[in-house]
C-alpha atoms as a PDB file:
ATOM      1  CA  MET A   1     106.613 118.687  89.415  1.00  0.00           C
ATOM      2  CA  SER A   2     105.113 120.641  92.241  1.00  0.00           C
ATOM      3  CA  SER A   3     106.256 123.914  93.909  1.00  0.00           C
ATOM      4  CA  LEU A   4     106.508 124.984  97.506  1.00  0.00           C
ATOM      5  CA  THR A   5     106.418 128.415  99.011  1.00  0.00           C
ATOM      6  CA  VAL A   6     108.200 128.963 102.404  1.00  0.00           C
ATOM      7  CA  ARG A   7     107.042 132.072 104.231  1.00  0.00           C
ATOM      8  CA  ASN A   8     108.603 133.855 107.173  1.00  0.00           C
ATOM      9  CA  LEU A   9     112.062 132.391 106.547  1.00  0.00           C
ATOM     10  CA  ASP A  10     114.672 134.007 108.777  1.00  0.00           C
ATOM     11  CA  GLU A  11     116.939 136.357 106.821  1.00  0.00           C
ATOM     12  CA  SER A  12     120.098 134.604 108.135  1.00  0.00           C
ATOM     13  CA  VAL A  13     118.833 131.328 106.757  1.00  0.00           C
ATOM     14  CA  LYS A  14     118.112 132.898 103.404  1.00  0.00           C
ATOM     15  CA  ASN A  15     121.550 134.353 103.228  1.00  0.00           C
ATOM     16  CA  GLY A  16     123.086 130.978 104.255  1.00  0.00           C
ATOM     17  CA  LEU A  17     121.247 129.396 101.385  1.00  0.00           C
ATOM     18  CA  ARG A  18     122.350 132.019  99.009  1.00  0.00           C
ATOM     19  CA  LEU A  19     125.964 131.582  99.987  1.00  0.00           C
ATOM     20  CA  ARG A  20     125.803 127.768  99.805  1.00  0.00           C
ATOM     21  CA  ALA A  21     124.263 128.003  96.337  1.00  0.00           C
ATOM     22  CA  ALA A  22     126.880 130.428  95.135  1.00  0.00           C
ATOM     23  CA  ARG A  23     129.624 128.108  96.463  1.00  0.00           C
ATOM     24  CA  HIS A  24     128.184 125.198  94.482  1.00  0.00           C
ATOM     25  CA  GLY A  25     127.510 127.339  91.430  1.00  0.00           C
ATOM     26  CA  TRP A  26     123.770 126.917  91.164  1.00  0.00           C
ATOM     27  CA  SER A  27     120.552 128.745  92.177  1.00  0.00           C
ATOM     28  CA  MET A  28     119.145 128.922  95.646  1.00  0.00           C
ATOM     29  CA  GLU A  29     116.161 126.994  94.417  1.00  0.00           C
ATOM     30  CA  GLN A  30     118.462 124.140  93.272  1.00  0.00           C
ATOM     31  CA  GLU A  31     120.274 124.321  96.604  1.00  0.00           C
ATOM     32  CA  VAL A  32     117.004 123.932  98.524  1.00  0.00           C
ATOM     33  CA  ARG A  33     115.906 121.156  96.232  1.00  0.00           C
ATOM     34  CA  LEU A  34     119.095 119.158  96.850  1.00  0.00           C
ATOM     35  CA  ILE A  35     118.961 119.693 100.629  1.00  0.00           C
ATOM     36  CA  LEU A  36     115.341 118.481 100.793  1.00  0.00           C
ATOM     37  CA  GLN A  37     116.124 115.441  98.603  1.00  0.00           C
ATOM     38  CA  LYS A  38     119.128 114.621 100.784  1.00  0.00           C
ATOM     39  CA  ILE A  39     117.026 114.696 103.913  1.00  0.00           C
ATOM     40  CA  VAL A  40     113.798 113.049 102.634  1.00  0.00           C
ATOM     41  CA  ALA A  41     115.334 110.311 100.448  1.00  0.00           C
ATOM     42  CA  PRO A  42     116.851 108.274 103.294  1.00  0.00           C
ATOM     43  CA  GLU A  43     113.487 108.180 105.012  1.00  0.00           C
ATOM     44  CA  GLN A  44     111.901 106.858 101.871  1.00  0.00           C
ATOM     45  CA  ALA A  45     114.679 104.273 101.404  1.00  0.00           C
ATOM     46  CA  ALA A  46     114.245 103.121 104.953  1.00  0.00           C
ATOM     47  CA  GLN A  47     110.737 101.956 104.202  1.00  0.00           C
ATOM     48  CA  VAL A  48     110.440  98.205 104.409  1.00  0.00           C
ATOM     49  CA  SER A  49     109.403  96.296 101.267  1.00  0.00           C
ATOM     50  CA  PHE A  50     106.352  94.072 101.151  1.00  0.00           C
ATOM     51  CA  ALA A  51     108.469  90.929 101.061  1.00  0.00           C
ATOM     52  CA  GLU A  52     110.470  92.103 104.135  1.00  0.00           C
ATOM     53  CA  ARG A  53     107.224  92.809 105.990  1.00  0.00           C
ATOM     54  CA  VAL A  54     105.805  89.309 105.171  1.00  0.00           C
ATOM     55  CA  ASN A  55     109.109  87.726 106.219  1.00  0.00           C
ATOM     56  CA  ALA A  56     109.061  89.688 109.520  1.00  0.00           C
ATOM     57  CA  ARG A  57     105.458  88.723 110.051  1.00  0.00           C
ATOM     58  CA  PHE A  58     106.070  85.018 109.780  1.00  0.00           C
ATOM     59  CA  SER A  59     109.675  84.841 111.068  1.00  0.00           C
ATOM     60  CA  GLY A  60     108.576  83.318 114.419  1.00  0.00           C
ATOM     61  CA  LEU A  61     106.657  80.531 112.649  1.00  0.00           C
ATOM     62  CA  GLN A  62     108.647  77.248 112.625  1.00  0.00           C
ATOM     63  CA  ALA A  63     107.705  76.033 109.174  1.00  0.00           C
ATOM     64  CA  ASP A  64     109.682  72.837 109.517  1.00  0.00           C
ATOM     65  CA  SER A  65     107.316  71.627 112.142  1.00  0.00           C
ATOM     66  CA  LEU A  66     104.189  72.185 109.952  1.00  0.00           C
ATOM     67  CA  PRO A  67     102.596  69.027 108.517  1.00  0.00           C
ATOM     68  CA  VAL A  68     102.854  68.747 104.693  1.00  0.00           C
ATOM     69  CA  PRO A  69      99.830  66.937 103.237  1.00  0.00           C
ATOM     70  CA  GLU A  70     100.274  64.255 100.663  1.00  0.00           C
ATOM     71  CA  ARG A  71      99.898  65.363  97.100  1.00  0.00           C
ATOM     72  CA  GLN A  72      96.813  64.059  95.279  1.00  0.00           C
ATOM     73  CA  ILE A  73      95.734  64.108  91.676  1.00  0.00           C
ATOM     74  CA  ALA A  74      93.236  66.919  91.335  1.00  0.00           C
ATOM     75  CA  ARG A  75      91.239  65.072  88.619  1.00  0.00           C
ATOM     76  CA  THR A  76      91.486  62.032  86.420  1.00  0.00           C
ATOM     77  CA  PRO A  77      93.543  62.943  83.368  1.00  0.00           C
ATOM     78  CA  PRO A  78      91.661  62.531  80.035  1.00  0.00           C
ATOM     79  CA  ASP A  79      92.308  59.459  77.901  1.00  0.00           C
ATOM     80  CA  LEU A  80      93.750  60.942  74.709  1.00  0.00           C
ATOM     81  CA  ALA A  81      94.143  57.535  72.998  1.00  0.00           C
ATOM     82  CA  SER A  82      90.415  56.964  72.446  1.00  0.00           C
ATOM     83  CA  PRO A  83      88.667  58.871  69.529  1.00  0.00           C
END
């Protein structure tokens, strides 16, 4: 875990945090932690996954119109019957 020091915080903000924390029954530090998590977590959740980025990248591509090559045998299979 990391720590953060906030300097020059307005006294009214500090008092508001203290009152909110008291209402919830926990420390000011916990109150600030929960407020920051509430604000930052939605931004992190809004990040697009790799699969969604790939899908968006190729969404305009009409895959149905692409030619599909015939399948070919990559090599001649070994004859397992001969010793």
